[in-house]
Amino acid sequence: MKKGGQGFTLIELLVVIAIIAILAGILFPVFSKAREKARQANCASNLRQQASSVLQYVQDYDEAFPMSVYLSFNPSFQPCALTMLAAIEPYVRNRQIYQCPSEPRALHLDQAFRSLGLPGGECGAFEFGSYMFNFAVFEDGSVPPLLVAVPPIRLTEIQFPVETGMNYDGNLTAPSACNFSLFDSPVIGRHSEMANVNYVDGHTKVVKVRLSGCVGLNINGNPVEQWCVSQDGPYRRSCGSPQPAACYDEIWGIAEQDAAGWCARALR
């Protein structure tokens, strides 16, 4: 009669461990992709809310888009930078919509403006963020000696609102490698070589991007990889240029069409 309670042999245990390791190797990437898809969906929701807030502002201000930034003063009479984020603050319920869950601390705006010589930092005390905005839609205000003010863009000036990006997965750079200059706003492929972008008509979608292999610095002095838009549309080529750029690394410009097709350009 066979005695009960016999344990596994060493070979049997090794086989079980090997099977578990194989299953883990198969399932972990699947779970990782599922988590990233959830973060991407959350990020897209953030951008939809931002688009809604911008369009409410536009409706209340005679179809004029807010400025990207201009010089103002805080309650302590310190000079500070009033950004587009502070401008649309009355329409935003939760500041967390400015943080992508895949990279919630991509840049620190308040710290950045203090480092540029504004003791009041960002007027609304906005700290960590993950998104950048199209500086051809949100034009520059006066920030002497860094920026000279130009008139704001109005909704009626944008011929293709469905194709013109507003806010997106991005960063803000300092002069460094990759031809980055102060206030360049490179797109960032946080979601498996995809970036979320919202558009002037209010919708949000993903844009395919690719790494260039170049690494520069953001406005806080942290490394930032350069990503290039890799799908067809206006953000591959500047209007008037016969060929797409080697690396169009921003959602920058108002979408238009010329003899060569879709392109992007500044209106000011």
Protein backbone atom coordinates (compact mmCIF):
# COMPACT_ATOMS: atom_id res chain seq x y z
CA MET A 1 0.00 0.00 0.00
CA LYS A 2 1.43 3.45 -1.04
CA LYS A 3 2.01 5.83 1.83
CA GLY A 4 0.27 9.25 1.64
CA GLY A 5 1.87 12.65 2.17
CA GLN A 6 4.73 12.27 -0.32
CA GLY A 7 6.14 15.64 -1.45
CA PHE A 8 7.29 16.81 -4.86
CA THR A 9 10.62 15.64 -6.17
CA LEU A 10 13.31 18.21 -7.00
CA ILE A 11 12.73 17.72 -10.73
CA GLU A 12 8.99 18.27 -10.33
CA LEU A 13 9.59 21.50 -8.39
CA LEU A 14 12.00 22.75 -11.04
CA VAL A 15 9.44 22.01 -13.76
CA VAL A 16 6.73 23.93 -11.87
CA ILE A 17 9.09 26.91 -11.31
CA ALA A 18 10.04 26.90 -15.00
CA ILE A 19 6.37 26.91 -16.05
CA ILE A 20 5.61 29.81 -13.68
CA ALA A 21 8.59 31.75 -15.04
CA ILE A 22 7.44 31.21 -18.62
CA LEU A 23 3.88 32.30 -17.80
CA ALA A 24 5.19 35.38 -15.95
CA GLY A 25 7.35 36.29 -18.96
CA ILE A 26 4.30 36.07 -21.19
CA LEU A 27 1.79 37.80 -18.91
CA PHE A 28 3.83 40.65 -17.39
CA PRO A 29 4.25 42.52 -20.71
CA VAL A 30 0.52 42.08 -21.33
CA PHE A 31 -0.33 43.52 -17.91
CA SER A 32 2.19 46.33 -18.45
CA LYS A 33 0.58 47.27 -21.77
CA ALA A 34 -2.86 47.15 -20.17
CA ARG A 35 -1.72 49.53 -17.41
CA GLU A 36 -0.23 51.90 -19.96
CA LYS A 37 -3.46 51.85 -21.99
CA ALA A 38 -5.34 52.84 -18.83
CA ARG A 39 -2.89 55.68 -18.19
CA GLN A 40 -3.22 56.79 -21.83
CA ALA A 41 -7.02 56.87 -21.51
CA ASN A 42 -6.73 58.92 -18.32
CA CYS A 43 -4.33 61.29 -20.09
CA ALA A 44 -6.73 61.68 -23.03
CA SER A 45 -9.52 62.53 -20.58
CA ASN A 46 -7.29 65.23 -19.05
CA LEU A 47 -6.74 66.78 -22.46
CA ARG A 48 -10.44 66.70 -23.34
CA GLN A 49 -11.14 68.65 -20.15
CA GLN A 50 -8.41 71.14 -21.00
CA ALA A 51 -9.88 71.60 -24.49
CA SER A 52 -13.31 72.20 -23.00
CA SER A 53 -11.89 74.82 -20.62
CA VAL A 54 -10.04 76.61 -23.44
CA LEU A 55 -13.16 76.73 -25.61
CA GLN A 56 -15.21 78.13 -22.72
CA TYR A 57 -12.60 80.86 -22.35
CA VAL A 58 -12.75 81.55 -26.09
CA GLN A 59 -16.53 81.85 -25.94
CA ASP A 60 -16.34 84.34 -23.06
CA TYR A 61 -13.59 86.48 -24.61
CA ASP A 62 -14.96 87.31 -28.07
CA GLU A 63 -13.44 84.20 -29.69
CA ALA A 64 -9.90 85.16 -28.64
CA PHE A 65 -7.58 82.42 -27.40
CA PRO A 66 -5.66 83.09 -24.18
CA MET A 67 -2.03 84.15 -24.46
CA SER A 68 0.59 81.52 -23.75
CA VAL A 69 2.21 83.74 -21.09
CA TYR A 70 2.54 87.38 -20.15
CA LEU A 71 4.12 89.40 -17.36
CA SER A 72 1.92 90.15 -14.37
CA PHE A 73 2.28 90.68 -10.61
CA ASN A 74 1.26 88.51 -7.67
CA PRO A 75 -0.46 89.82 -4.49
CA SER A 76 2.99 90.58 -3.04
CA PHE A 77 3.69 92.81 -6.10
CA GLN A 78 6.38 90.44 -7.34
CA PRO A 79 6.67 90.05 -11.12
CA CYS A 80 5.35 86.67 -12.21
CA ALA A 81 4.43 84.81 -15.39
CA LEU A 82 0.69 84.47 -15.97
CA THR A 83 0.39 81.44 -18.25
CA MET A 84 -2.44 80.01 -20.29
CA LEU A 85 -3.04 77.58 -17.42
CA ALA A 86 -3.78 80.45 -15.04
CA ALA A 87 -6.00 82.09 -17.68
CA ILE A 88 -8.30 79.05 -17.96
CA GLU A 89 -8.21 78.31 -14.21
CA PRO A 90 -11.81 79.57 -13.66
CA TYR A 91 -13.05 76.84 -16.01
CA VAL A 92 -11.03 73.98 -14.50
CA ARG A 93 -12.34 71.88 -11.60
CA ASN A 94 -9.16 70.02 -10.74
CA ARG A 95 -5.53 70.93 -11.36
CA GLN A 96 -4.65 67.25 -11.63
CA ILE A 97 -5.84 67.37 -15.25
CA TYR A 98 -2.46 68.99 -16.04
CA GLN A 99 -0.59 65.85 -14.99
CA CYS A 100 -0.32 62.80 -17.25
CA PRO A 101 -0.24 59.63 -15.09
CA SER A 102 2.58 58.27 -17.26
CA GLU A 103 4.83 61.23 -16.37
CA PRO A 104 3.11 63.47 -13.80
CA ARG A 105 6.21 65.53 -12.97
CA ALA A 106 7.61 66.20 -16.42
CA LEU A 107 8.27 69.86 -15.65
CA HIS A 108 7.94 72.35 -12.78
CA LEU A 109 6.56 75.63 -14.18
CA ASP A 110 6.78 77.76 -11.05
CA GLN A 111 10.40 76.79 -10.47
CA ALA A 112 11.24 77.38 -14.14
CA PHE A 113 9.99 80.98 -14.20
CA ARG A 114 11.78 81.74 -10.94
CA SER A 115 15.00 80.50 -12.51
CA LEU A 116 14.38 82.91 -15.43
CA GLY A 117 14.42 85.89 -13.06
CA LEU A 118 10.76 86.24 -12.05
CA PRO A 119 10.64 86.14 -8.23
CA GLY A 120 6.88 85.47 -8.30
CA GLY A 121 7.34 82.39 -10.48
CA GLU A 122 4.13 81.30 -12.23
CA CYS A 123 1.35 83.65 -11.10
CA GLY A 124 -1.06 80.82 -10.35
CA ALA A 125 1.66 78.85 -8.51
CA PHE A 126 1.32 75.97 -10.97
CA GLU A 127 3.95 73.42 -10.11
CA PHE A 128 4.20 70.02 -11.78
CA GLY A 129 2.72 69.44 -15.22
CA SER A 130 2.96 67.12 -18.21
CA TYR A 131 1.43 69.03 -21.10
CA MET A 132 2.50 71.72 -23.50
CA PHE A 133 0.49 73.97 -25.80
CA ASN A 134 0.69 75.09 -29.39
CA PHE A 135 2.38 78.49 -29.26
CA ALA A 136 0.93 79.37 -32.67
CA VAL A 137 -2.60 79.13 -31.18
CA PHE A 138 -1.71 80.56 -27.76
CA GLU A 139 0.46 83.48 -28.84
CA ASP A 140 3.12 85.22 -26.77
CA GLY A 141 2.33 88.05 -24.42
CA SER A 142 4.87 90.56 -23.13
CA VAL A 143 7.59 89.14 -20.87
CA PRO A 144 10.52 91.56 -21.15
CA PRO A 145 13.18 90.86 -22.24
CA LEU A 146 12.23 87.27 -23.15
CA LEU A 147 9.07 87.74 -25.22
CA VAL A 148 7.40 90.54 -27.18
CA ALA A 149 3.60 90.62 -27.24
CA VAL A 150 1.60 89.96 -30.39
CA PRO A 151 -2.19 90.09 -30.85
CA PRO A 152 -4.08 86.96 -29.73
CA ILE A 153 -5.36 84.42 -32.24
CA ARG A 154 -9.11 84.40 -32.82
CA LEU A 155 -11.17 81.32 -33.58
CA THR A 156 -12.33 82.66 -36.94
CA GLU A 157 -8.70 82.78 -38.12
CA ILE A 158 -8.30 79.01 -37.88
CA GLN A 159 -9.44 77.48 -41.15
CA PHE A 160 -9.03 73.83 -40.10
CA PRO A 161 -9.94 73.51 -36.39
CA VAL A 162 -10.19 69.71 -36.62
CA GLU A 163 -6.54 69.51 -37.72
CA THR A 164 -5.05 72.26 -35.55
CA GLY A 165 -3.62 70.97 -32.28
CA MET A 166 -3.86 72.87 -28.99
CA ASN A 167 -2.56 70.99 -25.93
CA TYR A 168 -0.57 67.75 -25.95
CA ASP A 169 1.86 65.40 -24.21
CA GLY A 170 4.92 67.60 -24.17
CA ASN A 171 7.68 69.43 -22.35
CA LEU A 172 9.32 72.85 -22.33
CA THR A 173 13.00 73.19 -23.15
CA ALA A 174 16.04 75.31 -22.42
CA PRO A 175 18.80 75.93 -24.99
CA SER A 176 20.53 72.56 -25.39
CA ALA A 177 21.11 69.72 -27.85
CA CYS A 178 18.59 68.69 -30.54
CA ASN A 179 18.37 72.36 -31.65
CA PHE A 180 16.20 73.02 -28.59
CA SER A 181 15.93 76.69 -27.64
CA LEU A 182 14.24 78.51 -24.77
CA PHE A 183 10.49 77.82 -24.79
CA ASP A 184 10.58 75.13 -27.48
CA SER A 185 7.73 72.75 -26.71
CA PRO A 186 8.63 69.24 -27.95
CA VAL A 187 6.00 66.53 -28.17
CA ILE A 188 6.65 63.49 -25.94
CA GLY A 189 5.69 59.91 -26.87
CA ARG A 190 4.69 58.76 -23.39
CA HIS A 191 2.23 56.11 -24.50
CA SER A 192 4.04 53.38 -26.43
CA GLU A 193 5.33 55.77 -29.11
CA MET A 194 2.07 57.72 -29.11
CA ALA A 195 1.25 61.20 -27.84
CA ASN A 196 -2.20 62.47 -26.89
CA VAL A 197 -3.24 65.74 -28.56
CA ASN A 198 -6.39 67.85 -28.29
CA TYR A 199 -7.61 70.03 -31.14
CA VAL A 200 -9.32 73.37 -31.65
CA ASP A 201 -12.69 71.71 -32.31
CA GLY A 202 -12.46 70.05 -28.86
CA HIS A 203 -11.68 66.43 -29.77
CA THR A 204 -8.63 64.45 -28.59
CA LYS A 205 -6.71 61.74 -30.43
CA VAL A 206 -3.33 60.01 -30.44
CA VAL A 207 -0.49 60.98 -32.76
CA LYS A 208 2.29 58.56 -33.73
CA VAL A 209 5.79 59.73 -32.87
CA ARG A 210 9.31 58.28 -33.04
CA LEU A 211 12.54 58.88 -31.16
CA SER A 212 15.25 60.84 -32.99
CA GLY A 213 18.02 59.54 -30.74
CA CYS A 214 18.87 63.05 -29.51
CA VAL A 215 18.61 64.10 -25.84
CA GLY A 216 18.45 67.73 -24.72
CA LEU A 217 17.39 69.56 -21.55
CA ASN A 218 14.03 70.84 -20.40
CA ILE A 219 13.50 74.21 -18.74
CA ASN A 220 14.25 72.69 -15.32
CA GLY A 221 17.56 71.26 -16.53
CA ASN A 222 16.33 67.67 -16.73
CA PRO A 223 17.06 65.37 -19.71
CA VAL A 224 14.35 65.23 -22.36
CA GLU A 225 14.37 62.94 -25.40
CA GLN A 226 13.48 64.34 -28.80
CA TRP A 227 10.45 62.76 -30.47
CA CYS A 228 9.41 63.41 -34.08
CA VAL A 229 5.86 63.31 -35.45
CA SER A 230 5.72 60.28 -37.74
CA GLN A 231 2.17 60.23 -39.11
CA ASP A 232 0.67 62.14 -42.01
CA GLY A 233 -0.92 65.49 -41.30
CA PRO A 234 0.07 69.14 -40.86
CA TYR A 235 2.72 68.49 -38.20
CA ARG A 236 5.33 67.04 -40.53
CA ARG A 237 6.05 70.08 -42.69
CA SER A 238 6.11 73.88 -42.48
CA CYS A 239 3.99 75.62 -45.12
CA GLY A 240 6.16 76.65 -48.06
CA SER A 241 8.69 73.86 -47.51
CA PRO A 242 8.61 71.27 -50.29
CA GLN A 243 9.57 68.32 -48.06
CA PRO A 244 8.68 67.17 -44.53
CA ALA A 245 11.16 68.21 -41.84
CA ALA A 246 13.77 65.66 -40.81
CA CYS A 247 12.21 65.88 -37.35
CA TYR A 248 9.09 67.97 -36.74
CA ASP A 249 9.22 67.71 -32.95
CA GLU A 250 6.37 70.01 -31.85
CA ILE A 251 2.62 70.28 -32.31
CA TRP A 252 3.28 73.83 -33.47
CA GLY A 253 1.50 75.88 -36.10
CA ILE A 254 -1.96 76.48 -37.54
CA ALA A 255 -3.00 73.67 -39.88
CA GLU A 256 -3.30 74.74 -43.52
CA GLN A 257 -2.88 73.32 -47.01
CA ASP A 258 -0.57 74.45 -49.78
CA ALA A 259 0.40 72.95 -53.14
CA ALA A 260 2.21 70.05 -51.41
CA GLY A 261 -0.67 69.16 -49.05
CA TRP A 262 -1.04 69.52 -45.29
CA CYS A 263 1.34 71.89 -43.52
CA ALA A 264 1.54 74.14 -40.46
CA ARG A 265 2.45 77.82 -40.08
CA ALA A 266 2.26 80.77 -37.72
CA LEU A 267 -0.40 83.43 -38.30
CA ARG A 268 1.59 86.14 -36.47
